[in-house]
């Protein structure tokens, strides 16, 4: 980008699709993941970065813990009573403390255990008189006893585009697991992060510490992409001007199973998992005949629909599974089938399946919730799974006739690239449609009646501001006026002699600026002579980079109006 002058005004602008954010240099655009989130102002929320492990299909995150602080890799879990980490191997910290037996925190965990049988040197895993819990590997379904302790834990805040200052919990309560409990987890993971509704899971502990609402937003990424968990009250601004937290989510109640059926528990405890009230399923808009009693939770706590990140794919009770498979097969009768690829039954020749912005061109699967008008629609990106040999399979698994405790378990793949808001205070789940990465970006164009020039608008700088410019089919690169009101915290010079400078074919180097540093006054900066092609006037200017945002054409989100010119 060149810093010089620009002087055309836009009289009117139309409504266009949402914005995509990126960085600009010589008109090269870097697009962001749909799961990236940012918020401004005070640190009223904290985040966990999320990635998908290819080998296990698990969703992993990293946070800081202990003194001195070290990064800890763990698997995300929508169930589980507390965070648990391996304390047997390599846990070194000067700030950990035991939770005494009989103390209020111990009573609130409702474990009833007290550890008094350690004869070695004191360590996080060996502390007598310490409250004990039962960390659960929900992937392998292995549970073992462990000490409940506290230690320092830090997470990045969300008030900067890059990971900002870390917010610290000085005494975050968690459970020590044994090394063998990590078997079956993603490579390098030493524990599991609980996102459940339990008192000492991440959402409630963080809300109590920082004073924000008991809610979190989850965006699970596909492989090789980035996702996020946002805890607190920050808006979900995934692109400039597009706030998904205001009107883009559909809400359904979160249900509570009066009978806890998972993990170690005592009689009378309610469930800590997340359940929703599925009332029906449609394929391509047509109702699938189901035994509706299986969709409700009975007096023994059996039935209903659970959300699970520990299950990579959606699991259905046998009769529900057969009904969905049959309905989907009937709607895709014209697509050539291929042999089943475990664990899937219904597979197609991927070469014969069309493509859309929301994944493979297959019938939608609609999860009907509390009423007909409230449905969670699954497009091809969330229903189909690429398999070996070029096969494309319906990503649902037969759970057998005795799937326990839920009849439907919505697995991670079906939730990917959907924004899910778990509102624990309102006891509701908000969900979006599939949010694919931008496959294209656009510039709106209008004609200025006074000059007959074609003008556009984009967003630039930090904080982002609208910039009006004239469209030019010639010219080497974008140029804007950097002398009048150019303020940004994200611009950077292009150094003289650097590769970008050489690619700009500029031999000039700015070295004569004696004023305060600014985009228009930077020494040792590559320069060029952009041309105002309307008046044929040219003058020198610095070449710099800065953040630039454009509208996308690929997301099923509400449009926003571009600001009008003055």
Protein backbone atom coordinates (compact mmCIF):
# COMPACT_ATOMS: atom_id res chain seq x y z
CA UNK A 1 0.00 0.00 0.00
CA UNK A 2 1.25 3.46 -0.89
CA UNK A 3 0.76 6.48 1.35
CA UNK A 4 -0.24 9.55 -0.68
CA UNK A 5 -3.42 11.59 -1.35
CA UNK A 6 -6.91 10.64 -2.44
CA UNK A 7 -10.01 12.82 -2.84
CA UNK A 8 -13.22 11.28 -4.16
CA UNK A 9 -16.45 10.92 -2.24
CA UNK A 10 -19.08 8.20 -2.36
CA UNK A 11 -22.64 9.48 -2.63
CA UNK A 12 -24.44 6.23 -1.82
CA UNK A 13 -23.60 2.61 -1.16
CA UNK A 14 -25.71 -0.55 -1.36
CA UNK A 15 -26.02 -3.45 1.06
CA UNK A 16 -23.51 -6.25 0.67
CA UNK A 17 -22.53 -9.54 2.33
CA UNK A 18 -20.29 -9.77 5.40
CA UNK A 19 -16.67 -8.75 5.70
CA UNK A 20 -13.54 -10.87 5.65
CA UNK A 21 -10.44 -9.67 7.45
CA UNK A 22 -6.86 -9.91 6.21
CA UNK A 23 -3.57 -8.13 5.62
CA UNK A 24 -2.64 -6.22 2.49
CA UNK A 25 0.62 -5.82 0.62
CA UNK A 26 0.62 -5.22 -3.12
CA UNK A 27 -2.99 -6.39 -3.22
CA UNK A 28 -2.24 -9.80 -1.68
CA UNK A 29 -5.03 -10.87 0.68
CA UNK A 30 -4.77 -13.31 3.60
CA UNK A 31 -8.21 -14.59 4.62
CA UNK A 32 -9.14 -15.43 8.20
CA UNK A 33 -10.72 -18.56 9.60
CA UNK A 34 -14.46 -18.25 10.31
CA UNK A 35 -13.75 -19.24 13.89
CA UNK A 36 -11.52 -16.30 14.79
CA UNK A 37 -13.04 -13.96 17.35
CA UNK A 38 -12.12 -10.49 18.64
CA UNK A 39 -13.59 -7.98 21.06
CA UNK A 40 -12.73 -4.46 22.11
CA UNK A 41 -12.52 -2.66 25.43
CA UNK A 42 -11.76 -4.10 28.86
CA UNK A 43 -10.86 -7.79 29.30
CA UNK A 44 -14.40 -8.99 29.89
CA UNK A 45 -13.75 -12.38 28.34
CA UNK A 46 -10.97 -14.93 27.95
CA UNK A 47 -10.33 -17.52 25.26
CA UNK A 48 -8.97 -20.96 24.60
CA UNK A 49 -7.52 -21.62 21.13
CA UNK A 50 -8.78 -24.87 19.58
CA UNK A 51 -7.32 -27.16 16.93
CA UNK A 52 -8.24 -30.63 15.68
CA UNK A 53 -5.87 -33.56 16.06
CA UNK A 54 -5.87 -35.53 12.79
CA UNK A 55 -4.88 -38.85 14.32
CA UNK A 56 -7.58 -38.99 17.01
CA UNK A 57 -10.21 -36.52 15.69
CA UNK A 58 -10.08 -34.88 19.13
CA UNK A 59 -10.22 -31.13 19.76
CA UNK A 60 -7.22 -29.86 21.67
CA UNK A 61 -6.31 -26.60 23.35
CA UNK A 62 -3.36 -25.05 25.17
CA UNK A 63 -3.34 -22.90 28.30
CA UNK A 64 -0.71 -21.73 30.77
CA UNK A 65 -0.44 -23.19 34.25
CA UNK A 66 1.85 -23.40 37.31
CA UNK A 67 4.79 -21.31 38.58
CA UNK A 68 6.86 -20.81 36.54
CA UNK A 69 4.15 -21.00 33.91
CA UNK A 70 4.32 -23.67 31.23
CA UNK A 71 2.00 -24.43 28.30
CA UNK A 72 -0.33 -27.35 28.96
CA UNK A 73 -1.97 -29.21 26.08
CA UNK A 74 -5.34 -30.79 26.83
CA UNK A 75 -8.38 -32.26 25.08
CA UNK A 76 -11.67 -30.33 25.17
CA UNK A 77 -14.56 -32.07 26.87
CA UNK A 78 -18.17 -30.90 27.10
CA UNK A 79 -18.56 -33.27 30.06
CA UNK A 80 -16.32 -33.91 33.09
CA UNK A 81 -16.59 -32.34 36.53
CA UNK A 82 -13.25 -30.48 36.56
CA UNK A 83 -10.13 -29.85 34.57
CA UNK A 84 -7.73 -32.73 35.12
CA UNK A 85 -4.06 -32.97 34.21
CA UNK A 86 -1.36 -35.59 34.67
CA UNK A 87 0.42 -34.83 37.96
CA UNK A 88 2.57 -37.98 37.94
CA UNK A 89 4.92 -36.94 35.16
CA UNK A 90 6.74 -33.61 35.10
CA UNK A 91 4.38 -31.52 37.22
CA UNK A 92 6.66 -28.89 38.78
CA UNK A 93 5.24 -25.77 40.42
CA UNK A 94 5.89 -23.59 43.43
CA UNK A 95 2.31 -22.31 43.62
CA UNK A 96 0.13 -25.40 43.91
CA UNK A 97 -1.87 -25.97 47.10
CA UNK A 98 -4.01 -28.82 48.32
CA UNK A 99 -7.76 -28.57 48.86
CA UNK A 100 -8.13 -29.84 52.45
CA UNK A 101 -10.55 -32.63 53.25
CA UNK A 102 -13.76 -31.21 54.72
CA UNK A 103 -13.13 -27.70 53.38
CA UNK A 104 -15.94 -25.84 51.63
CA UNK A 105 -14.44 -26.35 48.15
CA UNK A 106 -14.09 -30.05 48.91
CA UNK A 107 -17.72 -30.29 50.04
CA UNK A 108 -18.86 -28.45 46.92
CA UNK A 109 -17.15 -30.99 44.67
CA UNK A 110 -19.46 -33.63 46.19
CA UNK A 111 -16.82 -36.32 45.82
CA UNK A 112 -16.73 -37.33 49.47
CA UNK A 113 -13.15 -38.58 49.11
CA UNK A 114 -10.11 -37.83 51.28
CA UNK A 115 -6.58 -38.93 50.39
CA UNK A 116 -4.45 -40.13 53.33
CA UNK A 117 -2.32 -42.98 51.99
CA UNK A 118 0.77 -41.30 50.56
CA UNK A 119 4.14 -42.24 52.11
CA UNK A 120 6.45 -40.49 49.64
CA UNK A 121 7.68 -36.92 49.42
CA UNK A 122 4.88 -34.36 49.11
CA UNK A 123 3.95 -33.54 45.52
CA UNK A 124 0.74 -32.60 43.69
CA UNK A 125 -0.03 -36.32 43.29
CA UNK A 126 1.01 -37.21 46.86
CA UNK A 127 -0.64 -35.01 49.49
CA UNK A 128 -2.24 -36.44 52.61
CA UNK A 129 -5.31 -34.79 54.08
CA UNK A 130 -6.31 -33.72 50.58
CA UNK A 131 -9.74 -33.81 48.99
CA UNK A 132 -9.85 -36.43 46.26
CA UNK A 133 -11.88 -36.67 43.08
CA UNK A 134 -12.36 -39.01 40.16
CA UNK A 135 -11.09 -37.57 36.88
CA UNK A 136 -12.73 -39.21 33.89
CA UNK A 137 -11.18 -39.82 30.48
CA UNK A 138 -14.44 -39.51 28.55
CA UNK A 139 -12.78 -40.78 25.37
CA UNK A 140 -11.69 -44.15 26.79
CA UNK A 141 -14.25 -44.09 29.64
CA UNK A 142 -11.57 -44.78 32.23
CA UNK A 143 -11.86 -43.20 35.68
CA UNK A 144 -9.31 -43.10 38.49
CA UNK A 145 -8.89 -41.32 41.81
CA UNK A 146 -6.74 -38.22 42.18
CA UNK A 147 -6.00 -35.28 44.47
CA UNK A 148 -7.95 -32.06 44.09
CA UNK A 149 -5.57 -29.09 44.23
CA UNK A 150 -5.30 -25.49 43.06
CA UNK A 151 -2.65 -23.72 41.01
CA UNK A 152 -2.11 -20.65 38.85
CA UNK A 153 -3.80 -20.77 35.46
CA UNK A 154 -3.66 -18.13 32.71
CA UNK A 155 -5.67 -17.58 29.53
CA UNK A 156 -5.38 -14.92 26.81
CA UNK A 157 -7.94 -12.13 26.81
CA UNK A 158 -9.99 -11.14 23.78
CA UNK A 159 -9.53 -7.42 23.60
CA UNK A 160 -6.72 -7.59 21.05
CA UNK A 161 -6.58 -9.10 17.58
CA UNK A 162 -3.48 -11.12 18.49
CA UNK A 163 -3.50 -13.05 21.78
CA UNK A 164 -3.51 -10.19 24.23
CA UNK A 165 -2.38 -9.89 27.84
CA UNK A 166 -3.04 -13.03 29.83
CA UNK A 167 -5.69 -13.05 32.53
CA UNK A 168 -4.64 -15.11 35.54
CA UNK A 169 -6.60 -17.18 38.04
CA UNK A 170 -4.27 -17.54 41.06
CA UNK A 171 -6.06 -20.56 42.56
CA UNK A 172 -7.78 -22.54 39.83
CA UNK A 173 -9.20 -25.78 41.20
CA UNK A 174 -8.54 -28.98 39.26
CA UNK A 175 -7.96 -32.70 39.75
CA UNK A 176 -4.67 -34.55 39.44
CA UNK A 177 -4.83 -37.51 37.08
CA UNK A 178 -2.40 -40.38 36.70
CA UNK A 179 -0.26 -40.81 33.60
CA UNK A 180 -2.16 -43.91 32.48
CA UNK A 181 -5.34 -41.81 32.33
CA UNK A 182 -3.91 -39.90 29.33
CA UNK A 183 -3.86 -43.04 27.19
CA UNK A 184 -6.10 -42.58 24.18
CA UNK A 185 -5.75 -38.80 24.17
CA UNK A 186 -4.16 -36.79 21.35
CA UNK A 187 -0.38 -36.89 21.20
CA UNK A 188 1.10 -34.52 23.78
CA UNK A 189 -2.19 -33.99 25.64
CA UNK A 190 -1.78 -34.37 29.39
CA UNK A 191 -5.37 -33.90 30.50
CA UNK A 192 -8.88 -32.77 29.64
CA UNK A 193 -10.51 -29.34 29.90
CA UNK A 194 -14.05 -29.60 31.26
CA UNK A 195 -16.59 -27.25 29.66
CA UNK A 196 -19.56 -28.80 31.47
CA UNK A 197 -22.14 -27.10 33.67
CA UNK A 198 -20.37 -28.42 36.81
CA UNK A 199 -19.41 -25.95 39.55
CA UNK A 200 -15.66 -26.36 39.04
CA UNK A 201 -15.61 -26.71 35.25
CA UNK A 202 -14.04 -23.89 33.25
CA UNK A 203 -17.20 -21.81 32.53
CA UNK A 204 -18.28 -21.41 36.16
CA UNK A 205 -14.82 -21.05 37.71
CA UNK A 206 -13.81 -18.38 35.19
CA UNK A 207 -17.11 -16.51 35.56
CA UNK A 208 -16.74 -16.47 39.33
CA UNK A 209 -13.14 -15.24 39.12
CA UNK A 210 -13.57 -12.50 36.54
CA UNK A 211 -17.16 -11.51 37.26
CA UNK A 212 -18.60 -12.16 33.82
CA UNK A 213 -21.64 -14.18 32.80
CA UNK A 214 -21.69 -17.97 32.96
CA UNK A 215 -21.69 -18.50 29.24
CA UNK A 216 -19.23 -19.52 26.59
CA UNK A 217 -19.14 -19.74 22.82
CA UNK A 218 -17.61 -22.70 21.05
CA UNK A 219 -16.48 -22.96 17.44
CA UNK A 220 -14.93 -26.33 16.67
CA UNK A 221 -12.58 -26.28 13.67
CA UNK A 222 -12.07 -28.89 10.98
CA UNK A 223 -8.57 -30.26 10.50
CA UNK A 224 -5.84 -27.71 9.69
CA UNK A 225 -8.01 -24.80 10.81
CA UNK A 226 -8.29 -22.75 13.99
CA UNK A 227 -11.20 -22.70 16.41
CA UNK A 228 -11.90 -20.98 19.70
CA UNK A 229 -13.75 -21.08 23.00
CA UNK A 230 -14.80 -17.62 24.25
CA UNK A 231 -15.73 -17.35 27.92
CA UNK A 232 -17.60 -14.29 29.14
CA UNK A 233 -19.38 -11.26 27.77
CA UNK A 234 -17.45 -10.31 24.63
CA UNK A 235 -19.50 -10.02 21.44
CA UNK A 236 -18.79 -12.65 18.80
CA UNK A 237 -17.33 -10.34 16.16
CA UNK A 238 -15.92 -12.78 13.63
CA UNK A 239 -15.61 -10.11 10.94
CA UNK A 240 -15.72 -6.29 11.16
CA UNK A 241 -19.30 -5.18 11.62
CA UNK A 242 -20.70 -8.71 11.89
CA UNK A 243 -21.68 -9.50 15.49
CA UNK A 244 -23.13 -13.00 15.67
CA UNK A 245 -24.09 -12.57 19.33
CA UNK A 246 -26.88 -10.11 18.57
CA UNK A 247 -29.33 -11.64 16.12
CA UNK A 248 -27.74 -14.45 14.17
CA UNK A 249 -28.17 -17.27 16.69
CA UNK A 250 -31.20 -19.52 17.09
CA UNK A 251 -31.85 -20.64 20.67
CA UNK A 252 -33.17 -23.84 22.17
CA UNK A 253 -33.41 -24.79 25.87
CA UNK A 254 -30.61 -26.75 27.52
CA UNK A 255 -32.17 -29.64 29.40
CA UNK A 256 -31.06 -31.15 32.69
CA UNK A 257 -31.22 -34.88 33.21
CA UNK A 258 -32.50 -35.34 36.78
CA UNK A 259 -30.51 -38.58 36.96
CA UNK A 260 -26.76 -38.29 36.51
CA UNK A 261 -25.61 -41.21 34.39
CA UNK A 262 -21.99 -40.45 33.44
CA UNK A 263 -18.71 -40.59 35.35
CA UNK A 264 -18.35 -41.06 39.11
CA UNK A 265 -21.33 -39.59 40.95
CA UNK A 266 -23.47 -39.92 44.05
CA UNK A 267 -27.18 -40.74 44.14
CA UNK A 268 -29.38 -37.70 43.60
CA UNK A 269 -26.93 -35.70 41.47
CA UNK A 270 -28.23 -34.16 38.26
CA UNK A 271 -26.37 -34.38 34.96
CA UNK A 272 -23.55 -32.00 34.10
CA UNK A 273 -23.57 -32.75 30.36
CA UNK A 274 -25.41 -30.63 27.77
CA UNK A 275 -28.69 -32.02 26.48
CA UNK A 276 -31.16 -30.55 24.01
CA UNK A 277 -34.78 -31.42 23.26
CA UNK A 278 -34.67 -33.09 19.87
CA UNK A 279 -38.24 -33.82 18.74
CA UNK A 280 -37.68 -35.02 15.19
CA UNK A 281 -35.31 -35.38 12.24
CA UNK A 282 -35.84 -34.40 8.62
CA UNK A 283 -33.83 -35.37 5.56
CA UNK A 284 -34.15 -33.04 2.59
CA UNK A 285 -37.14 -31.45 4.33
CA UNK A 286 -39.03 -34.71 4.77
CA UNK A 287 -39.85 -36.15 8.20
CA UNK A 288 -37.99 -39.31 9.18
CA UNK A 289 -40.31 -41.79 10.96
CA UNK A 290 -38.93 -42.28 14.48
CA UNK A 291 -39.95 -43.74 17.82
CA UNK A 292 -40.48 -40.39 19.56
CA UNK A 293 -40.25 -41.94 23.04
CA UNK A 294 -36.52 -42.51 22.47
CA UNK A 295 -36.02 -38.76 22.05
CA UNK A 296 -37.34 -37.99 25.53
CA UNK A 297 -35.50 -38.64 28.81
CA UNK A 298 -37.31 -41.25 30.89
CA UNK A 299 -37.52 -41.49 34.69
CA UNK A 300 -34.29 -43.51 34.78
CA UNK A 301 -32.36 -40.81 32.96
CA UNK A 302 -32.20 -42.76 29.69
CA UNK A 303 -32.90 -41.22 26.28
CA UNK A 304 -32.66 -37.70 24.92
CA UNK A 305 -29.91 -35.96 22.94
CA UNK A 306 -26.42 -35.09 24.22
CA UNK A 307 -23.72 -32.88 22.70
CA UNK A 308 -20.27 -34.47 22.90
CA UNK A 309 -16.79 -33.45 21.80
CA UNK A 310 -15.46 -36.81 22.98
CA UNK A 311 -17.37 -38.53 20.17
CA UNK A 312 -15.91 -37.60 16.77
CA UNK A 313 -19.10 -38.49 14.89
CA UNK A 314 -22.80 -38.48 15.65
CA UNK A 315 -24.04 -41.73 17.22
CA UNK A 316 -27.68 -42.85 16.91
CA UNK A 317 -29.66 -45.55 18.66
CA UNK A 318 -30.12 -48.47 16.24
CA UNK A 319 -33.74 -47.84 15.18
CA UNK A 320 -33.10 -44.10 14.75
CA UNK A 321 -29.92 -44.86 12.82
CA UNK A 322 -31.69 -47.21 10.40
CA UNK A 323 -34.47 -44.71 9.78
CA UNK A 324 -32.01 -41.87 9.03
CA UNK A 325 -29.82 -44.07 6.83
CA UNK A 326 -32.81 -45.30 4.82
CA UNK A 327 -34.18 -41.78 4.36
CA UNK A 328 -30.81 -40.39 3.27
CA UNK A 329 -30.23 -43.28 0.85
CA UNK A 330 -33.63 -42.69 -0.73
CA UNK A 331 -32.87 -39.00 -1.26
CA UNK A 332 -29.47 -39.76 -2.82
CA UNK A 333 -30.50 -42.67 -5.03
CA UNK A 334 -28.93 -41.05 -8.12
CA UNK A 335 -25.45 -40.77 -6.57
CA UNK A 336 -23.27 -43.87 -7.17
CA UNK A 337 -22.60 -45.85 -3.99
CA UNK A 338 -19.31 -47.49 -2.99
CA UNK A 339 -18.60 -50.16 -0.35
CA UNK A 340 -18.91 -49.14 3.30
CA UNK A 341 -15.85 -47.67 5.02
CA UNK A 342 -15.79 -48.34 8.77
CA UNK A 343 -17.26 -46.99 10.94
CA UNK A 344 -19.68 -45.71 8.28
CA UNK A 345 -22.25 -47.68 6.33
CA UNK A 346 -23.57 -45.29 3.69
CA UNK A 347 -20.75 -44.24 1.34
CA UNK A 348 -20.65 -42.65 -2.10
CA UNK A 349 -18.21 -42.11 -4.94
CA UNK A 350 -16.80 -38.71 -3.96
CA UNK A 351 -16.06 -37.90 -7.61
CA UNK A 352 -19.78 -38.02 -8.37
CA UNK A 353 -20.84 -35.70 -5.55
CA UNK A 354 -21.15 -32.04 -6.39
CA UNK A 355 -19.73 -29.22 -4.27
CA UNK A 356 -21.31 -26.16 -2.68
CA UNK A 357 -20.13 -23.37 -0.40
CA UNK A 358 -21.43 -25.44 2.53
CA UNK A 359 -19.68 -28.67 1.55
CA UNK A 360 -20.76 -31.65 -0.56
CA UNK A 361 -24.02 -31.21 -2.48
CA UNK A 362 -26.17 -33.66 -0.53
CA UNK A 363 -29.57 -33.41 1.16
CA UNK A 364 -29.73 -31.47 4.40
CA UNK A 365 -30.28 -33.18 7.74
CA UNK A 366 -32.55 -31.12 9.94
CA UNK A 367 -32.64 -31.55 13.71
CA UNK A 368 -36.09 -30.37 14.78
CA UNK A 369 -35.99 -29.00 18.31
CA UNK A 370 -38.67 -27.68 20.64
CA UNK A 371 -41.00 -26.72 17.78
CA UNK A 372 -41.20 -27.03 14.02
CA UNK A 373 -39.82 -23.55 13.40
CA UNK A 374 -36.65 -24.19 15.44
CA UNK A 375 -34.32 -26.47 13.52
CA UNK A 376 -30.58 -26.97 13.44
CA UNK A 377 -29.76 -27.62 9.78
CA UNK A 378 -26.75 -29.73 8.86
CA UNK A 379 -25.27 -29.18 5.40
CA UNK A 380 -22.83 -31.44 3.60
CA UNK A 381 -19.79 -30.06 5.40
CA UNK A 382 -21.20 -31.34 8.70
CA UNK A 383 -22.97 -34.50 7.54
CA UNK A 384 -20.42 -36.02 5.14
CA UNK A 385 -16.95 -37.37 5.95
CA UNK A 386 -14.18 -38.00 3.38
CA UNK A 387 -12.92 -41.58 3.66
CA UNK A 388 -10.22 -43.69 2.06
CA UNK A 389 -10.34 -44.50 -1.62
CA UNK A 390 -12.10 -41.26 -2.48
CA UNK A 391 -15.29 -42.31 -0.72
CA UNK A 392 -17.61 -39.76 0.85
CA UNK A 393 -19.64 -41.21 3.73
CA UNK A 394 -22.60 -40.08 5.80
CA UNK A 395 -20.96 -39.35 9.14
CA UNK A 396 -23.35 -41.10 11.51
CA UNK A 397 -22.60 -44.26 13.48
CA UNK A 398 -24.87 -47.06 14.69
CA UNK A 399 -24.91 -47.02 18.50
CA UNK A 400 -26.80 -50.29 18.77
CA UNK A 401 -30.17 -50.98 20.40
CA UNK A 402 -28.94 -50.17 23.91
CA UNK A 403 -27.13 -46.84 23.41
CA UNK A 404 -26.75 -45.47 26.95
CA UNK A 405 -27.68 -43.07 28.33
CA UNK A 406 -28.70 -40.88 25.35
CA UNK A 407 -30.45 -42.08 22.21
CA UNK A 408 -28.69 -39.44 20.13
CA UNK A 409 -25.14 -38.17 20.66
CA UNK A 410 -24.25 -35.22 18.42
CA UNK A 411 -20.52 -35.62 17.80
CA UNK A 412 -17.80 -33.13 17.02
CA UNK A 413 -17.88 -33.33 13.21
CA UNK A 414 -21.53 -32.29 13.07
CA UNK A 415 -20.76 -29.24 15.26
CA UNK A 416 -17.70 -28.03 13.34
CA UNK A 417 -17.74 -24.47 11.99
CA UNK A 418 -21.03 -23.82 13.78
CA UNK A 419 -21.00 -21.13 16.45
CA UNK A 420 -22.51 -22.60 19.62
CA UNK A 421 -23.30 -20.41 22.62
CA UNK A 422 -23.81 -22.27 25.89
CA UNK A 423 -25.72 -19.86 28.13
CA UNK A 424 -25.66 -21.51 31.55
CA UNK A 425 -27.53 -18.68 33.27
CA UNK A 426 -30.34 -18.69 30.72
CA UNK A 427 -30.11 -22.49 30.35
CA UNK A 428 -30.18 -22.27 26.58
CA UNK A 429 -28.05 -23.17 23.58
CA UNK A 430 -27.60 -20.73 20.72
CA UNK A 431 -26.49 -22.09 17.37
CA UNK A 432 -25.69 -20.72 13.94
CA UNK A 433 -25.67 -22.19 10.49
CA UNK A 434 -22.46 -23.57 9.07
CA UNK A 435 -19.81 -20.82 8.81
CA UNK A 436 -17.45 -21.76 5.95
CA UNK A 437 -14.19 -19.97 5.29
CA UNK A 438 -14.47 -17.33 2.58
CA UNK A 439 -14.14 -18.74 -0.91
CA UNK A 440 -14.30 -15.29 -2.47
CA UNK A 441 -14.22 -11.62 -1.49
CA UNK A 442 -15.75 -8.61 -3.19
CA UNK A 443 -15.59 -4.85 -3.49
CA UNK A 444 -18.91 -2.97 -3.81
CA UNK A 445 -18.86 -0.52 -6.72
CA UNK A 446 -20.97 2.59 -7.32
CA UNK A 447 -20.82 5.39 -9.86
CA UNK A 448 -20.26 8.97 -8.71
CA UNK A 449 -22.68 11.19 -10.57
CA UNK A 450 -20.55 14.33 -10.38
CA UNK A 451 -17.29 12.86 -11.69
CA UNK A 452 -18.51 9.72 -13.52
CA UNK A 453 -15.87 7.79 -11.61
CA UNK A 454 -16.41 4.29 -10.18
CA UNK A 455 -15.92 4.23 -6.44
CA UNK A 456 -15.70 1.53 -3.81
CA UNK A 457 -15.28 1.16 -0.07
CA UNK A 458 -13.29 -1.22 2.11
CA UNK A 459 -12.26 -1.36 5.77
CA UNK A 460 -8.68 -0.74 6.82
CA UNK A 461 -6.39 -0.11 9.82
CA UNK A 462 -6.72 -0.88 13.54
CA UNK A 463 -9.28 0.02 14.70
CA UNK A 464 -10.97 -0.58 11.32
CA UNK A 465 -12.37 2.46 9.51
CA UNK A 466 -14.16 2.68 6.13
CA UNK A 467 -11.94 3.93 3.30
CA UNK A 468 -13.40 5.30 0.04
CA UNK A 469 -11.40 4.90 -3.15
CA UNK A 470 -11.70 5.11 -6.93
CA UNK A 471 -11.52 1.85 -8.88
CA UNK A 472 -8.59 1.80 -11.31
CA UNK A 473 -7.76 -0.97 -13.81
CA UNK A 474 -4.20 0.30 -14.01
CA UNK A 475 -1.78 1.32 -11.29
CA UNK A 476 0.73 -0.90 -9.53
CA UNK A 477 -0.99 -1.10 -6.14
CA UNK A 478 -3.51 0.44 -3.78
CA UNK A 479 -2.65 3.94 -2.61
CA UNK A 480 -4.34 6.04 0.06
CA UNK A 481 -3.80 9.42 1.68
CA UNK A 482 -1.61 8.94 4.76
CA UNK A 483 -1.16 12.63 5.60
CA UNK A 484 -4.70 13.44 6.73
CA UNK A 485 -6.09 11.41 9.59
CA UNK A 486 -4.34 8.09 8.99
CA UNK A 487 -4.30 6.49 12.45
CA UNK A 488 -3.61 2.80 13.00
CA UNK A 489 -1.84 0.59 15.50
CA UNK A 490 -1.17 -2.15 12.95
CA UNK A 491 0.72 -0.50 10.09
CA UNK A 492 4.31 -1.50 9.37
CA UNK A 493 6.94 -0.20 6.98
CA UNK A 494 8.33 -2.22 4.07
CA UNK A 495 12.10 -1.98 4.64
CA UNK A 496 14.39 -0.85 1.87
CA UNK A 497 16.01 -3.82 0.17
CA UNK A 498 13.46 -6.33 1.51
CA UNK A 499 11.94 -8.92 -0.81
CA UNK A 500 8.56 -7.09 -0.96
CA UNK A 501 10.42 -3.90 -1.84
CA UNK A 502 12.32 -5.65 -4.61
CA UNK A 503 9.10 -7.22 -5.92
CA UNK A 504 7.57 -3.74 -6.04
CA UNK A 505 10.43 -2.90 -8.42
CA UNK A 506 11.26 0.17 -6.44
CA UNK A 507 14.83 1.37 -6.17
CA UNK A 508 13.92 4.34 -3.96
CA UNK A 509 14.38 4.48 -0.20
CA UNK A 510 12.93 7.12 2.14
CA UNK A 511 15.64 8.42 4.50
CA UNK A 512 14.95 12.13 4.85
CA UNK A 513 12.08 12.30 7.35
CA UNK A 514 12.97 14.31 10.47
CA UNK A 515 9.51 14.47 12.04
CA UNK A 516 7.66 12.06 14.31
CA UNK A 517 7.25 8.59 12.85
CA UNK A 518 3.96 8.09 11.00
CA UNK A 519 2.81 6.17 7.91
CA UNK A 520 3.80 9.12 5.76
CA UNK A 521 7.10 9.73 7.57
CA UNK A 522 9.19 6.58 7.97
CA UNK A 523 12.92 6.39 7.32
CA UNK A 524 14.57 3.33 5.73
CA UNK A 525 11.25 2.60 4.04
CA UNK A 526 10.68 1.46 0.49
CA UNK A 527 9.09 4.16 -1.70
CA UNK A 528 7.32 4.28 -5.03
CA UNK A 529 5.63 6.80 -7.30
CA UNK A 530 1.93 6.00 -7.58
CA UNK A 531 -0.07 7.72 -10.27
CA UNK A 532 -3.37 9.49 -9.98
CA UNK A 533 -4.49 8.17 -13.36
CA UNK A 534 -7.37 10.62 -13.70
CA UNK A 535 -5.25 13.80 -13.49
CA UNK A 536 -2.01 12.03 -14.55
CA UNK A 537 -0.29 13.43 -11.45
CA UNK A 538 2.35 11.31 -9.69
CA UNK A 539 4.28 11.84 -6.47
CA UNK A 540 6.44 9.76 -4.16
CA UNK A 541 5.15 7.87 -1.14
CA UNK A 542 6.11 5.23 1.43
CA UNK A 543 5.18 1.59 0.87
CA UNK A 544 3.68 0.11 4.04
CA UNK A 545 1.37 -2.73 5.11
CA UNK A 546 -1.77 -2.59 7.23
CA UNK A 547 -4.84 -4.65 8.00
CA UNK A 548 -7.55 -4.60 5.33
CA UNK A 549 -11.04 -6.14 5.35
CA UNK A 550 -13.32 -7.05 2.47
CA UNK A 551 -16.80 -8.47 2.13
CA UNK A 552 -17.20 -12.18 1.53
CA UNK A 553 -19.79 -13.88 -0.64
CA UNK A 554 -19.91 -17.23 1.10
CA UNK A 555 -21.56 -16.96 4.50
CA UNK A 556 -25.21 -17.37 5.37
CA UNK A 557 -25.14 -14.36 7.70
CA UNK A 558 -27.19 -11.15 7.77
CA UNK A 559 -25.85 -8.46 5.46
CA UNK A 560 -24.77 -5.08 6.77
CA UNK A 561 -24.94 -1.69 5.10
CA UNK A 562 -21.73 0.08 4.27
CA UNK A 563 -21.50 3.48 5.99
CA UNK A 564 -22.61 6.41 3.87
CA UNK A 565 -20.10 9.08 2.94
CA UNK A 566 -20.37 12.51 4.46
